[in-house]
Protein backbone atom coordinates (compact mmCIF):
# COMPACT_ATOMS: atom_id res chain seq x y z
CA MET A 1 36.24 38.90 79.91
CA THR A 2 36.44 42.42 78.54
CA GLN A 3 38.19 45.28 80.31
CA LYS A 4 34.84 47.00 80.78
CA GLU A 5 33.35 43.91 82.44
CA ARG A 6 36.35 43.67 84.77
CA TYR A 7 35.95 47.29 85.85
CA THR A 8 32.19 46.90 86.29
CA PHE A 9 32.56 43.83 88.49
CA THR A 10 35.32 45.38 90.58
CA LEU A 11 33.54 48.67 91.18
CA ASP A 12 30.23 46.97 91.93
CA TRP A 13 31.92 44.68 94.43
CA PHE A 14 33.58 47.56 96.24
CA GLN A 15 30.36 49.58 96.29
CA GLN A 16 28.56 46.66 97.86
CA HIS A 17 31.18 45.67 100.43
CA THR A 18 33.01 48.91 101.31
CA PRO A 19 30.74 51.76 100.18
CA ASP A 20 32.07 54.27 102.70
CA ALA A 21 35.81 53.73 102.34
CA GLU A 22 37.86 56.77 103.32
CA THR A 23 41.35 57.78 104.32
CA GLU A 24 42.71 56.30 107.53
CA LEU A 25 44.63 59.48 108.28
CA ILE A 26 43.06 61.44 111.14
CA TYR A 27 42.52 65.14 110.47
CA ASP A 28 40.09 67.98 111.20
CA ASN A 29 40.73 70.40 108.33
CA PRO A 30 42.60 70.71 105.00
CA TYR A 31 45.76 72.02 106.69
CA GLN A 32 45.94 68.99 108.99
CA LEU A 33 45.33 66.59 106.10
CA LEU A 34 48.06 68.23 104.05
CA VAL A 35 50.54 67.88 106.90
CA ALA A 36 49.50 64.26 107.48
CA VAL A 37 49.79 63.30 103.81
CA ILE A 38 53.25 64.87 103.54
CA LEU A 39 54.30 62.88 106.60
CA SER A 40 52.77 59.67 105.23
CA ALA A 41 55.15 59.39 102.29
CA GLN A 42 56.89 56.02 102.69
CA CYS A 43 55.43 55.77 106.18
CA THR A 44 52.34 54.04 107.57
CA ASP A 45 49.16 55.94 108.35
CA LYS A 46 49.21 54.33 111.78
CA ARG A 47 52.58 55.87 112.60
CA VAL A 48 51.48 59.26 111.25
CA ASN A 49 48.32 59.18 113.38
CA MET A 50 50.45 58.50 116.45
CA THR A 51 52.57 61.56 115.68
CA THR A 52 50.12 64.24 114.55
CA PRO A 53 48.07 64.92 117.72
CA VAL A 54 50.99 66.56 119.53
CA LEU A 55 52.19 68.15 116.30
CA PHE A 56 48.80 69.77 115.64
CA GLU A 57 48.61 70.99 119.21
CA LYS A 58 51.99 72.66 118.86
CA TYR A 59 51.38 73.95 115.32
CA PRO A 60 47.59 74.33 114.94
CA GLY A 61 47.88 76.24 111.68
CA PRO A 62 50.33 77.34 108.99
CA GLN A 63 50.99 80.57 110.92
CA GLN A 64 52.64 78.59 113.72
CA LEU A 65 54.26 75.98 111.48
CA ALA A 66 55.85 78.63 109.27
CA LYS A 67 57.73 79.95 112.31
CA ALA A 68 58.71 76.52 113.64
CA ASP A 69 62.25 75.92 114.82
CA PHE A 70 63.69 73.17 112.65
CA ASP A 71 65.20 71.17 115.50
CA GLU A 72 62.04 71.38 117.58
CA LEU A 73 59.84 70.29 114.67
CA PHE A 74 62.27 67.48 113.93
CA SER A 75 61.92 66.23 117.50
CA TYR A 76 58.17 65.83 117.02
CA ILE A 77 58.42 63.80 113.82
CA LYS A 78 61.68 61.92 114.31
CA SER A 79 59.82 58.59 114.41
CA ILE A 80 58.53 59.27 110.88
CA SER A 81 60.53 58.20 107.84
CA TYR A 82 62.84 60.90 106.43
CA PRO A 83 62.21 63.40 109.26
CA ASN A 84 64.97 65.74 108.10
CA ASN A 85 63.52 66.33 104.65
CA LYS A 86 59.96 66.38 105.92
CA SER A 87 60.79 69.01 108.56
CA LYS A 88 62.18 71.25 105.81
CA HIS A 89 59.17 70.58 103.59
CA LEU A 90 56.61 71.28 106.32
CA ILE A 91 58.12 74.62 107.25
CA GLY A 92 58.50 75.62 103.60
CA MET A 93 54.97 74.47 102.82
CA ALA A 94 53.52 76.56 105.64
CA GLN A 95 55.50 79.61 104.60
CA MET A 96 54.25 79.36 101.02
CA LEU A 97 50.66 78.89 102.20
CA LEU A 98 50.94 82.22 103.98
CA GLU A 99 52.88 84.05 101.27
CA LYS A 100 50.97 82.88 98.22
CA PHE A 101 47.64 81.41 99.34
CA ASN A 102 46.61 83.61 102.29
CA GLY A 103 47.07 80.69 104.67
CA ASN A 104 44.55 78.52 102.85
CA VAL A 105 45.23 75.13 101.29
CA PRO A 106 44.66 75.46 97.53
CA LEU A 107 42.44 72.86 95.91
CA THR A 108 43.92 72.46 92.47
CA VAL A 109 46.56 69.87 91.68
CA GLN A 110 48.73 72.46 89.92
CA GLU A 111 48.75 74.91 92.85
CA LEU A 112 49.30 72.19 95.44
CA MET A 113 52.31 70.90 93.54
CA GLU A 114 53.96 74.29 93.98
CA LEU A 115 54.22 73.61 97.71
CA PRO A 116 57.42 72.06 99.12
CA GLY A 117 56.99 68.36 99.76
CA VAL A 118 53.90 68.05 97.59
CA GLY A 119 54.07 65.90 94.49
CA ARG A 120 51.32 64.75 92.18
CA LYS A 121 50.26 61.87 94.42
CA THR A 122 49.86 64.12 97.47
CA ALA A 123 48.00 66.74 95.43
CA ASN A 124 45.62 64.10 94.12
CA VAL A 125 44.95 62.88 97.66
CA ILE A 126 44.16 66.36 98.96
CA THR A 127 41.83 67.30 96.11
CA SER A 128 39.99 63.99 96.09
CA VAL A 129 39.56 63.73 99.87
CA ILE A 130 38.71 67.37 100.61
CA ASP A 131 36.84 68.28 97.45
CA GLN A 132 35.90 64.87 95.98
CA GLN A 133 37.57 65.84 92.72
CA PRO A 134 38.00 62.98 90.21
CA ASN A 135 41.73 62.63 90.85
CA MET A 136 43.41 59.27 91.39
CA ALA A 137 46.43 59.13 93.69
CA VAL A 138 48.54 56.13 92.72
CA ASP A 139 50.70 54.87 95.56
CA THR A 140 52.39 51.47 95.74
CA HIS A 141 49.14 49.81 96.85
CA VAL A 142 47.03 51.24 94.03
CA PHE A 143 49.75 50.51 91.48
CA ARG A 144 50.06 46.88 92.61
CA VAL A 145 46.37 46.10 93.03
CA ALA A 146 45.28 47.68 89.75
CA ALA A 147 47.92 45.71 87.85
CA ARG A 148 47.14 42.42 89.58
CA ILE A 149 43.41 42.64 88.98
CA GLY A 150 43.99 43.73 85.42
CA LEU A 151 42.53 47.21 85.66
CA THR A 152 45.76 48.56 84.22
CA ARG A 153 47.72 47.09 81.35
CA ASN A 154 51.47 47.51 80.91
CA ALA A 155 51.49 50.64 83.08
CA LYS A 156 55.16 51.18 83.83
CA THR A 157 54.76 54.30 85.96
CA PRO A 158 52.26 55.63 88.52
CA LEU A 159 51.24 58.34 86.05
CA ALA A 160 50.49 55.77 83.36
CA ALA A 161 48.41 53.78 85.85
CA GLU A 162 46.62 56.95 86.96
CA LYS A 163 45.65 57.82 83.39
CA GLN A 164 44.25 54.35 82.72
CA LEU A 165 42.24 54.28 85.95
CA VAL A 166 40.81 57.77 85.46
CA LYS A 167 39.85 56.89 81.91
CA ASN A 168 37.93 53.77 82.90
CA ILE A 169 36.36 54.65 86.26
CA PRO A 170 33.24 56.87 86.26
CA SER A 171 34.30 60.33 87.42
CA GLY A 172 31.86 60.31 90.33
CA LEU A 173 33.50 57.19 91.78
CA ILE A 174 37.18 58.05 91.34
CA TYR A 175 37.60 59.66 94.75
CA LYS A 176 36.16 56.53 96.37
CA ALA A 177 38.00 54.11 94.11
CA HIS A 178 41.27 55.62 95.31
CA HIS A 179 40.48 54.43 98.85
CA TRP A 180 39.04 51.11 97.71
CA LEU A 181 42.27 50.16 95.96
CA ILE A 182 44.54 51.45 98.73
CA LEU A 183 42.70 49.63 101.50
CA HIS A 184 42.42 46.45 99.43
CA GLY A 185 46.17 46.56 98.91
CA ARG A 186 46.82 47.31 102.55
CA TYR A 187 44.76 44.47 104.01
CA ILE A 188 43.94 41.89 101.32
CA CYS A 189 46.07 42.18 98.20
CA VAL A 190 49.29 42.65 100.15
CA ALA A 191 52.65 42.70 98.43
CA ARG A 192 53.77 39.31 99.69
CA ASN A 193 51.40 36.37 100.00
CA PRO A 194 48.19 38.16 98.98
CA LYS A 195 45.12 36.83 100.76
CA CYS A 196 43.42 35.49 97.66
CA ASN A 197 41.42 32.97 99.70
CA ILE A 198 39.29 35.74 101.21
CA CYS A 199 39.25 38.11 98.23
CA GLY A 200 35.92 38.72 96.55
CA LEU A 201 37.58 39.86 93.33
CA ARG A 202 38.87 36.40 92.41
CA PRO A 203 36.38 35.95 89.54
CA VAL A 204 37.94 38.83 87.61
CA CYS A 205 41.48 38.97 88.98
CA LYS A 206 44.19 38.17 86.45
CA TYR A 207 46.76 37.49 89.18
CA TYR A 208 44.48 34.95 90.85
CA GLN A 209 43.62 33.17 87.62
CA LYS A 210 47.25 32.99 86.55
CA ASN A 211 49.05 32.27 89.81
CA VAL A 212 46.61 30.74 92.26
CA ALA A 213 43.72 29.07 90.46
CA LYS A 214 46.05 26.90 88.41
CA ARG A 215 47.82 25.63 91.53
CA GLU A 216 44.48 24.86 93.18
CA GLN A 217 43.52 22.73 90.20
CA LEU A 218 46.64 20.55 90.47
């Protein structure tokens, strides 16, 4: 099977079975999504969604968040991973939004990465979700799933995986493919004991052919 055939099968399968995949983070505007994505680093979306309603009520916009008391903000997100660093990042992010971007969330990867707490992955999420830009955020799920299926080859870093995926996925599907791969990794192609028995990508999955199919034939 060629690489092109593997991509075609995978994308067709996702389009048929999960055509409307989207982020599981709950938000109402770009500011709320930015806050939620910063909080979601090394933390589950479920935990973030439990935390943000009260946070957004207290700090409905960057104007309020920029003036937040560190200890008070910390108390709202203490159940989130790395609350100390994230409290600093959120306040700094809000202050820069006001000082440099007139309180608006910028929608270029380069400008977003200027904000405290925003790396390439977060910037790719914001631009792809809000503006449907052809940017691929590679988290642990995307990195794992793409490698297992065989969509990426010898990609040693998230950036290397990102470049391969963007090169091979039609630009109009990249913003959706980001969610397809994340959700597949979250619920089917999990890190330990992937649920290959219910995975529709078995016909093209290198991991399945190498590690599971052979055992089934014994």
